[in-house]
Amino acid sequence: MQARAPALLNVGGQWELRRRAPPRHIIREILPLRIIDLCMKPRFFRRAANRLFMRKRACSRYPKRTPEQWLTLKEAAAARFSEGQSLKTIAEALNVSYEAVRVWFHKWQQGGAQAVCAQKPRGPKPRLSPEQLEQLQDALLLGPVHWGYKTQLWTLERIADLIARVFDVRYHPSHVFKLLRGMGWSCQRPTRRAKERDEAAIEQWLDGDWPRIRKARWTPEPR
């Protein structure tokens, strides 16, 4: 069993060194912070000290570039490969690493400039193909009543259920909204109108009664 670290106690106006340490809240009151760190060495002090000596990650000397800028650099590198320039010269001229130029050069040897500029699609493979998205759009244009719903209103839950029924692919309703935006669809809210609304009577009132009422309105006399 490891013995406890010695602690300083004020006994009778004198400081004495004892083996058994008092409670921590007493030590915090009578000892400065550095003595507490040396005697008790709590975990959070060690972690704070270790952070000071952690090595920071070295910053890259090459600037960050967008995918379009990388594509331009690859095209320029492929043109220089055909001219017979060395890899080191190309790396210095384009301000890229030698390793990147070496990878591009191996791709250029295998398939030319097209292989160098080829970019893999980002993200996972879509679960619905473009042909299936066109089929989904045709299915949505048929209306919800055609698919057994009671009202002519498409909701995200209904569309997700339709995709599962037609294509056997399950999506969360929130992801269905992203699919609809990619297809060019937008959220449409139906206008609330009364069932007893008579458009002909409203138009007749606006053309005949409202001008008469507006002229008959009281206007104050000028002073």
C-alpha atoms as a PDB file:
ATOM      1  CA  MET A   1       0.000   0.000   0.000  1.00  0.00           C
ATOM      2  CA  GLN A   2       1.444   3.344  -1.027  1.00  0.00           C
ATOM      3  CA  ALA A   3       1.995   5.806   1.823  1.00  0.00           C
ATOM      4  CA  ARG A   4       0.326   9.179   1.690  1.00  0.00           C
ATOM      5  CA  ALA A   5       2.382  12.235   0.827  1.00  0.00           C
ATOM      6  CA  PRO A   6       3.499  14.382   3.779  1.00  0.00           C
ATOM      7  CA  ALA A   7       1.478  17.461   4.646  1.00  0.00           C
ATOM      8  CA  LEU A   8       2.194  20.643   6.581  1.00  0.00           C
ATOM      9  CA  LEU A   9       0.019  21.436   9.607  1.00  0.00           C
ATOM     10  CA  ASN A  10      -0.087  24.496  11.825  1.00  0.00           C
ATOM     11  CA  VAL A  11       0.028  23.121  15.360  1.00  0.00           C
ATOM     12  CA  GLY A  12       0.397  25.647  18.144  1.00  0.00           C
ATOM     13  CA  GLY A  13       1.597  28.367  15.819  1.00  0.00           C
ATOM     14  CA  GLN A  14       4.348  26.186  14.337  1.00  0.00           C
ATOM     15  CA  TRP A  15       4.433  24.252  11.091  1.00  0.00           C
ATOM     16  CA  GLU A  16       4.991  20.542  11.494  1.00  0.00           C
ATOM     17  CA  LEU A  17       5.503  17.836   8.891  1.00  0.00           C
ATOM     18  CA  ARG A  18       3.202  14.867   9.398  1.00  0.00           C
ATOM     19  CA  ARG A  19       2.685  11.690   7.437  1.00  0.00           C
ATOM     20  CA  ARG A  20      -1.098  11.577   7.621  1.00  0.00           C
ATOM     21  CA  ALA A  21      -2.714  14.249   5.419  1.00  0.00           C
ATOM     22  CA  PRO A  22      -5.773  16.151   6.658  1.00  0.00           C
ATOM     23  CA  PRO A  23      -8.877  16.590   4.492  1.00  0.00           C
ATOM     24  CA  ARG A  24      -8.376  18.429   1.227  1.00  0.00           C
ATOM     25  CA  HIS A  25     -10.589  21.385   2.033  1.00  0.00           C
ATOM     26  CA  ILE A  26      -8.359  22.164   5.041  1.00  0.00           C
ATOM     27  CA  ILE A  27      -5.199  21.959   2.939  1.00  0.00           C
ATOM     28  CA  ARG A  28      -6.649  24.342   0.344  1.00  0.00           C
ATOM     29  CA  GLU A  29      -7.192  26.935   3.078  1.00  0.00           C
ATOM     30  CA  ILE A  30      -3.763  26.740   4.743  1.00  0.00           C
ATOM     31  CA  LEU A  31      -1.453  25.917   1.816  1.00  0.00           C
ATOM     32  CA  PRO A  32      -0.736  27.780  -1.411  1.00  0.00           C
ATOM     33  CA  LEU A  33      -1.606  26.230  -4.755  1.00  0.00           C
ATOM     34  CA  ARG A  34       1.910  25.044  -5.583  1.00  0.00           C
ATOM     35  CA  ILE A  35       2.261  23.118  -2.283  1.00  0.00           C
ATOM     36  CA  ILE A  36      -1.100  21.438  -2.949  1.00  0.00           C
ATOM     37  CA  ASP A  37       0.111  20.404  -6.391  1.00  0.00           C
ATOM     38  CA  LEU A  38       3.293  18.917  -4.948  1.00  0.00           C
ATOM     39  CA  CYS A  39       1.684  17.132  -2.005  1.00  0.00           C
ATOM     40  CA  MET A  40      -1.565  15.785  -3.423  1.00  0.00           C
ATOM     41  CA  LYS A  41      -1.095  15.935  -7.221  1.00  0.00           C
ATOM     42  CA  PRO A  42      -4.775  15.766  -8.163  1.00  0.00           C
ATOM     43  CA  ARG A  43      -5.653  14.518 -11.613  1.00  0.00           C
ATOM     44  CA  PHE A  44      -6.862  17.794 -13.043  1.00  0.00           C
ATOM     45  CA  PHE A  45      -3.528  19.459 -12.162  1.00  0.00           C
ATOM     46  CA  ARG A  46      -1.638  16.758 -14.039  1.00  0.00           C
ATOM     47  CA  ARG A  47      -3.888  17.116 -17.068  1.00  0.00           C
ATOM     48  CA  ALA A  48      -3.432  20.886 -17.113  1.00  0.00           C
ATOM     49  CA  ALA A  49       0.322  20.461 -16.913  1.00  0.00           C
ATOM     50  CA  ASN A  50       0.348  17.907 -19.719  1.00  0.00           C
ATOM     51  CA  ARG A  51      -1.535  20.248 -22.050  1.00  0.00           C
ATOM     52  CA  LEU A  52       1.295  22.748 -21.832  1.00  0.00           C
ATOM     53  CA  PHE A  53       3.762  20.211 -23.203  1.00  0.00           C
ATOM     54  CA  MET A  54       1.530  18.723 -25.907  1.00  0.00           C
ATOM     55  CA  ARG A  55       2.990  19.085 -29.360  1.00  0.00           C
ATOM     56  CA  LYS A  56       0.899  21.177 -31.707  1.00  0.00           C
ATOM     57  CA  ARG A  57       0.132  19.856 -35.139  1.00  0.00           C
ATOM     58  CA  ALA A  58       2.333  21.451 -37.751  1.00  0.00           C
ATOM     59  CA  CYS A  59       0.466  23.596 -40.265  1.00  0.00           C
ATOM     60  CA  SER A  60       0.748  22.672 -43.922  1.00  0.00           C
ATOM     61  CA  ARG A  61       2.720  25.051 -46.081  1.00  0.00           C
ATOM     62  CA  TYR A  62       0.339  24.443 -48.966  1.00  0.00           C
ATOM     63  CA  PRO A  63      -2.879  26.499 -49.131  1.00  0.00           C
ATOM     64  CA  LYS A  64      -6.328  24.967 -48.929  1.00  0.00           C
ATOM     65  CA  ARG A  65      -8.031  24.592 -52.291  1.00  0.00           C
ATOM     66  CA  THR A  66     -11.529  23.918 -53.552  1.00  0.00           C
ATOM     67  CA  PRO A  67     -12.369  20.924 -55.774  1.00  0.00           C
ATOM     68  CA  GLU A  68     -12.494  23.248 -58.794  1.00  0.00           C
ATOM     69  CA  GLN A  69      -9.008  24.557 -58.031  1.00  0.00           C
ATOM     70  CA  TRP A  70      -7.662  20.998 -57.641  1.00  0.00           C
ATOM     71  CA  LEU A  71      -9.165  20.105 -61.003  1.00  0.00           C
ATOM     72  CA  THR A  72      -7.389  23.072 -62.597  1.00  0.00           C
ATOM     73  CA  LEU A  73      -4.096  21.995 -61.034  1.00  0.00           C
ATOM     74  CA  LYS A  74      -4.528  18.441 -62.298  1.00  0.00           C
ATOM     75  CA  GLU A  75      -5.177  19.671 -65.830  1.00  0.00           C
ATOM     76  CA  ALA A  76      -2.064  21.861 -65.676  1.00  0.00           C
ATOM     77  CA  ALA A  77      -0.007  18.955 -64.333  1.00  0.00           C
ATOM     78  CA  ALA A  78      -1.225  16.654 -67.119  1.00  0.00           C
ATOM     79  CA  ALA A  79      -0.201  19.247 -69.705  1.00  0.00           C
ATOM     80  CA  ARG A  80       3.268  19.495 -68.158  1.00  0.00           C
ATOM     81  CA  PHE A  81       3.577  15.695 -68.088  1.00  0.00           C
ATOM     82  CA  SER A  82       3.111  15.628 -71.842  1.00  0.00           C
ATOM     83  CA  GLU A  83       5.834  18.258 -72.201  1.00  0.00           C
ATOM     84  CA  GLY A  84       8.287  16.046 -70.338  1.00  0.00           C
ATOM     85  CA  GLN A  85       8.910  18.236 -67.303  1.00  0.00           C
ATOM     86  CA  SER A  86      10.263  16.664 -64.130  1.00  0.00           C
ATOM     87  CA  LEU A  87       8.027  15.964 -61.148  1.00  0.00           C
ATOM     88  CA  LYS A  88       9.996  18.281 -58.877  1.00  0.00           C
ATOM     89  CA  THR A  89       9.685  21.163 -61.333  1.00  0.00           C
ATOM     90  CA  ILE A  90       5.927  20.645 -61.649  1.00  0.00           C
ATOM     91  CA  ALA A  91       5.470  20.478 -57.869  1.00  0.00           C
ATOM     92  CA  GLU A  92       7.340  23.750 -57.385  1.00  0.00           C
ATOM     93  CA  ALA A  93       5.518  25.492 -60.241  1.00  0.00           C
ATOM     94  CA  LEU A  94       2.037  24.464 -59.076  1.00  0.00           C
ATOM     95  CA  ASN A  95       2.829  24.839 -55.350  1.00  0.00           C
ATOM     96  CA  VAL A  96       1.769  21.297 -54.470  1.00  0.00           C
ATOM     97  CA  SER A  97       3.567  18.457 -52.744  1.00  0.00           C
ATOM     98  CA  TYR A  98       5.882  16.137 -54.610  1.00  0.00           C
ATOM     99  CA  GLU A  99       3.853  13.129 -53.444  1.00  0.00           C
ATOM    100  CA  ALA A 100       0.674  14.515 -55.051  1.00  0.00           C
ATOM    101  CA  VAL A 101       2.466  15.096 -58.355  1.00  0.00           C
ATOM    102  CA  ARG A 102       3.887  11.572 -58.224  1.00  0.00           C
ATOM    103  CA  VAL A 103       0.384  10.079 -57.783  1.00  0.00           C
ATOM    104  CA  TRP A 104      -0.931  12.165 -60.678  1.00  0.00           C
ATOM    105  CA  PHE A 105       1.977  11.047 -62.846  1.00  0.00           C
ATOM    106  CA  HIS A 106       1.186   7.353 -62.262  1.00  0.00           C
ATOM    107  CA  LYS A 107      -2.456   7.974 -63.180  1.00  0.00           C
ATOM    108  CA  TRP A 108      -1.353   9.883 -66.284  1.00  0.00           C
ATOM    109  CA  GLN A 109       0.785   6.927 -67.360  1.00  0.00           C
ATOM    110  CA  GLN A 110      -2.204   4.580 -67.010  1.00  0.00           C
ATOM    111  CA  GLY A 111      -5.003   6.628 -68.579  1.00  0.00           C
ATOM    112  CA  GLY A 112      -3.756  10.035 -69.648  1.00  0.00           C
ATOM    113  CA  ALA A 113      -5.230  13.374 -68.643  1.00  0.00           C
ATOM    114  CA  GLN A 114      -8.709  11.885 -68.269  1.00  0.00           C
ATOM    115  CA  ALA A 115      -7.485   9.524 -65.544  1.00  0.00           C
ATOM    116  CA  VAL A 116      -5.736  12.372 -63.735  1.00  0.00           C
ATOM    117  CA  CYS A 117      -8.789  14.645 -63.725  1.00  0.00           C
ATOM    118  CA  ALA A 118     -11.293  11.909 -62.876  1.00  0.00           C
ATOM    119  CA  GLN A 119     -13.006  12.603 -59.546  1.00  0.00           C
ATOM    120  CA  LYS A 120     -14.899  10.052 -57.516  1.00  0.00           C
ATOM    121  CA  PRO A 121     -18.427  10.984 -56.442  1.00  0.00           C
ATOM    122  CA  ARG A 122     -18.610  12.214 -52.891  1.00  0.00           C
ATOM    123  CA  GLY A 123     -20.696  10.531 -50.248  1.00  0.00           C
ATOM    124  CA  PRO A 124     -22.425   7.155 -50.331  1.00  0.00           C
ATOM    125  CA  LYS A 125     -24.136   5.789 -53.416  1.00  0.00           C
ATOM    126  CA  PRO A 126     -27.729   7.071 -53.738  1.00  0.00           C
ATOM    127  CA  ARG A 127     -30.370   4.483 -52.965  1.00  0.00           C
ATOM    128  CA  LEU A 128     -32.653   5.751 -55.731  1.00  0.00           C
ATOM    129  CA  SER A 129     -31.343   5.972 -59.283  1.00  0.00           C
ATOM    130  CA  PRO A 130     -32.222   8.897 -61.592  1.00  0.00           C
ATOM    131  CA  GLU A 131     -34.711   6.643 -63.416  1.00  0.00           C
ATOM    132  CA  GLN A 132     -36.400   5.803 -60.130  1.00  0.00           C
ATOM    133  CA  LEU A 133     -36.606   9.491 -59.222  1.00  0.00           C
ATOM    134  CA  GLU A 134     -38.422  10.139 -62.499  1.00  0.00           C
ATOM    135  CA  GLN A 135     -40.818   7.312 -61.680  1.00  0.00           C
ATOM    136  CA  LEU A 136     -41.373   8.842 -58.242  1.00  0.00           C
ATOM    137  CA  GLN A 137     -42.198  12.194 -59.804  1.00  0.00           C
ATOM    138  CA  ASP A 138     -44.761  10.571 -62.105  1.00  0.00           C
ATOM    139  CA  ALA A 139     -46.250   8.759 -59.119  1.00  0.00           C
ATOM    140  CA  LEU A 140     -46.557  11.986 -57.150  1.00  0.00           C
ATOM    141  CA  LEU A 141     -48.282  13.735 -60.052  1.00  0.00           C
ATOM    142  CA  LEU A 142     -51.046  11.112 -59.942  1.00  0.00           C
ATOM    143  CA  GLY A 143     -52.117  12.497 -56.582  1.00  0.00           C
ATOM    144  CA  PRO A 144     -52.495  10.997 -53.099  1.00  0.00           C
ATOM    145  CA  VAL A 145     -56.060   9.814 -53.740  1.00  0.00           C
ATOM    146  CA  HIS A 146     -54.786   7.564 -56.513  1.00  0.00           C
ATOM    147  CA  TRP A 147     -52.610   5.759 -53.972  1.00  0.00           C
ATOM    148  CA  GLY A 148     -55.377   5.287 -51.415  1.00  0.00           C
ATOM    149  CA  TYR A 149     -55.120   8.420 -49.283  1.00  0.00           C
ATOM    150  CA  LYS A 150     -58.225  10.357 -48.275  1.00  0.00           C
ATOM    151  CA  THR A 151     -57.097  13.893 -49.196  1.00  0.00           C
ATOM    152  CA  GLN A 152     -55.209  15.489 -52.082  1.00  0.00           C
ATOM    153  CA  LEU A 153     -52.322  16.592 -49.900  1.00  0.00           C
ATOM    154  CA  TRP A 154     -48.818  15.154 -50.031  1.00  0.00           C
ATOM    155  CA  THR A 155     -46.927  15.045 -46.743  1.00  0.00           C
ATOM    156  CA  LEU A 156     -43.416  13.815 -46.032  1.00  0.00           C
ATOM    157  CA  GLU A 157     -44.786  10.780 -44.198  1.00  0.00           C
ATOM    158  CA  ARG A 158     -47.007   9.876 -47.145  1.00  0.00           C
ATOM    159  CA  ILE A 159     -44.189  10.254 -49.666  1.00  0.00           C
ATOM    160  CA  ALA A 160     -41.876   8.129 -47.495  1.00  0.00           C
ATOM    161  CA  ASP A 161     -44.580   5.455 -47.354  1.00  0.00           C
ATOM    162  CA  LEU A 162     -45.049   5.657 -51.139  1.00  0.00           C
ATOM    163  CA  ILE A 163     -41.305   5.193 -51.734  1.00  0.00           C
ATOM    164  CA  ALA A 164     -41.329   2.137 -49.491  1.00  0.00           C
ATOM    165  CA  ARG A 165     -44.337   0.674 -51.339  1.00  0.00           C
ATOM    166  CA  VAL A 166     -43.081   1.313 -54.867  1.00  0.00           C
ATOM    167  CA  PHE A 167     -39.289   0.919 -54.590  1.00  0.00           C
ATOM    168  CA  ASP A 168     -38.937  -1.046 -51.330  1.00  0.00           C
ATOM    169  CA  VAL A 169     -36.582   1.659 -50.008  1.00  0.00           C
ATOM    170  CA  ARG A 170     -37.187   3.249 -46.616  1.00  0.00           C
ATOM    171  CA  TYR A 171     -36.329   6.882 -45.952  1.00  0.00           C
ATOM    172  CA  HIS A 172     -36.834   9.095 -42.933  1.00  0.00           C
ATOM    173  CA  PRO A 173     -39.364  11.880 -43.620  1.00  0.00           C
ATOM    174  CA  SER A 174     -36.688  14.530 -43.065  1.00  0.00           C
ATOM    175  CA  HIS A 175     -34.551  12.955 -45.801  1.00  0.00           C
ATOM    176  CA  VAL A 176     -37.546  12.834 -48.144  1.00  0.00           C
ATOM    177  CA  PHE A 177     -37.566  16.629 -48.014  1.00  0.00           C
ATOM    178  CA  LYS A 178     -33.986  16.653 -49.366  1.00  0.00           C
ATOM    179  CA  LEU A 179     -35.008  14.341 -52.210  1.00  0.00           C
ATOM    180  CA  LEU A 180     -37.899  16.618 -53.143  1.00  0.00           C
ATOM    181  CA  ARG A 181     -35.659  19.676 -53.180  1.00  0.00           C
ATOM    182  CA  GLY A 182     -33.233  17.844 -55.454  1.00  0.00           C
ATOM    183  CA  MET A 183     -36.135  17.067 -57.797  1.00  0.00           C
ATOM    184  CA  GLY A 184     -37.156  20.732 -57.915  1.00  0.00           C
ATOM    185  CA  TRP A 185     -40.207  20.431 -55.662  1.00  0.00           C
ATOM    186  CA  SER A 186     -41.004  22.950 -52.947  1.00  0.00           C
ATOM    187  CA  CYS A 187     -43.249  23.091 -49.908  1.00  0.00           C
ATOM    188  CA  GLN A 188     -46.750  24.331 -50.762  1.00  0.00           C
ATOM    189  CA  ARG A 189     -49.269  25.231 -48.085  1.00  0.00           C
ATOM    190  CA  PRO A 190     -52.944  25.079 -49.067  1.00  0.00           C
ATOM    191  CA  THR A 191     -54.972  28.262 -48.692  1.00  0.00           C
ATOM    192  CA  ARG A 192     -57.682  28.057 -46.051  1.00  0.00           C
ATOM    193  CA  ARG A 193     -61.056  28.989 -47.494  1.00  0.00           C
ATOM    194  CA  ALA A 194     -64.593  28.384 -46.350  1.00  0.00           C
ATOM    195  CA  LYS A 195     -66.631  25.744 -48.155  1.00  0.00           C
ATOM    196  CA  GLU A 196     -69.538  28.201 -48.543  1.00  0.00           C
ATOM    197  CA  ARG A 197     -67.341  30.702 -50.404  1.00  0.00           C
ATOM    198  CA  ASP A 198     -69.095  32.071 -53.513  1.00  0.00           C
ATOM    199  CA  GLU A 199     -66.615  33.642 -55.925  1.00  0.00           C
ATOM    200  CA  ALA A 200     -69.344  35.131 -58.156  1.00  0.00           C
ATOM    201  CA  ALA A 201     -71.022  36.888 -55.232  1.00  0.00           C
ATOM    202  CA  ILE A 202     -67.710  38.231 -53.983  1.00  0.00           C
ATOM    203  CA  GLU A 203     -66.845  39.643 -57.406  1.00  0.00           C
ATOM    204  CA  GLN A 204     -70.297  41.249 -57.735  1.00  0.00           C
ATOM    205  CA  TRP A 205     -69.942  42.873 -54.308  1.00  0.00           C
ATOM    206  CA  LEU A 206     -66.486  44.249 -55.146  1.00  0.00           C
ATOM    207  CA  ASP A 207     -67.668  45.708 -58.464  1.00  0.00           C
ATOM    208  CA  GLY A 208     -71.062  47.099 -57.379  1.00  0.00           C
ATOM    209  CA  ASP A 209     -71.481  47.540 -53.646  1.00  0.00           C
ATOM    210  CA  TRP A 210     -67.961  48.379 -52.512  1.00  0.00           C
ATOM    211  CA  PRO A 211     -67.498  51.496 -54.747  1.00  0.00           C
ATOM    212  CA  ARG A 212     -70.818  52.859 -53.464  1.00  0.00           C
ATOM    213  CA  ILE A 213     -69.902  52.220 -49.852  1.00  0.00           C
ATOM    214  CA  ARG A 214     -66.483  53.768 -50.309  1.00  0.00           C
ATOM    215  CA  LYS A 215     -67.972  56.993 -51.771  1.00  0.00           C
ATOM    216  CA  ALA A 216     -70.524  57.241 -48.973  1.00  0.00           C
ATOM    217  CA  ARG A 217     -67.852  57.097 -46.251  1.00  0.00           C
ATOM    218  CA  TRP A 218     -67.732  60.154 -44.020  1.00  0.00           C
ATOM    219  CA  THR A 219     -64.861  62.501 -44.646  1.00  0.00           C
ATOM    220  CA  PRO A 220     -64.015  65.371 -42.312  1.00  0.00           C
ATOM    221  CA  GLU A 221     -64.498  68.894 -43.689  1.00  0.00           C
ATOM    222  CA  PRO A 222     -61.355  70.960 -44.135  1.00  0.00           C
ATOM    223  CA  ARG A 223     -60.875  73.699 -41.589  1.00  0.00           C
END
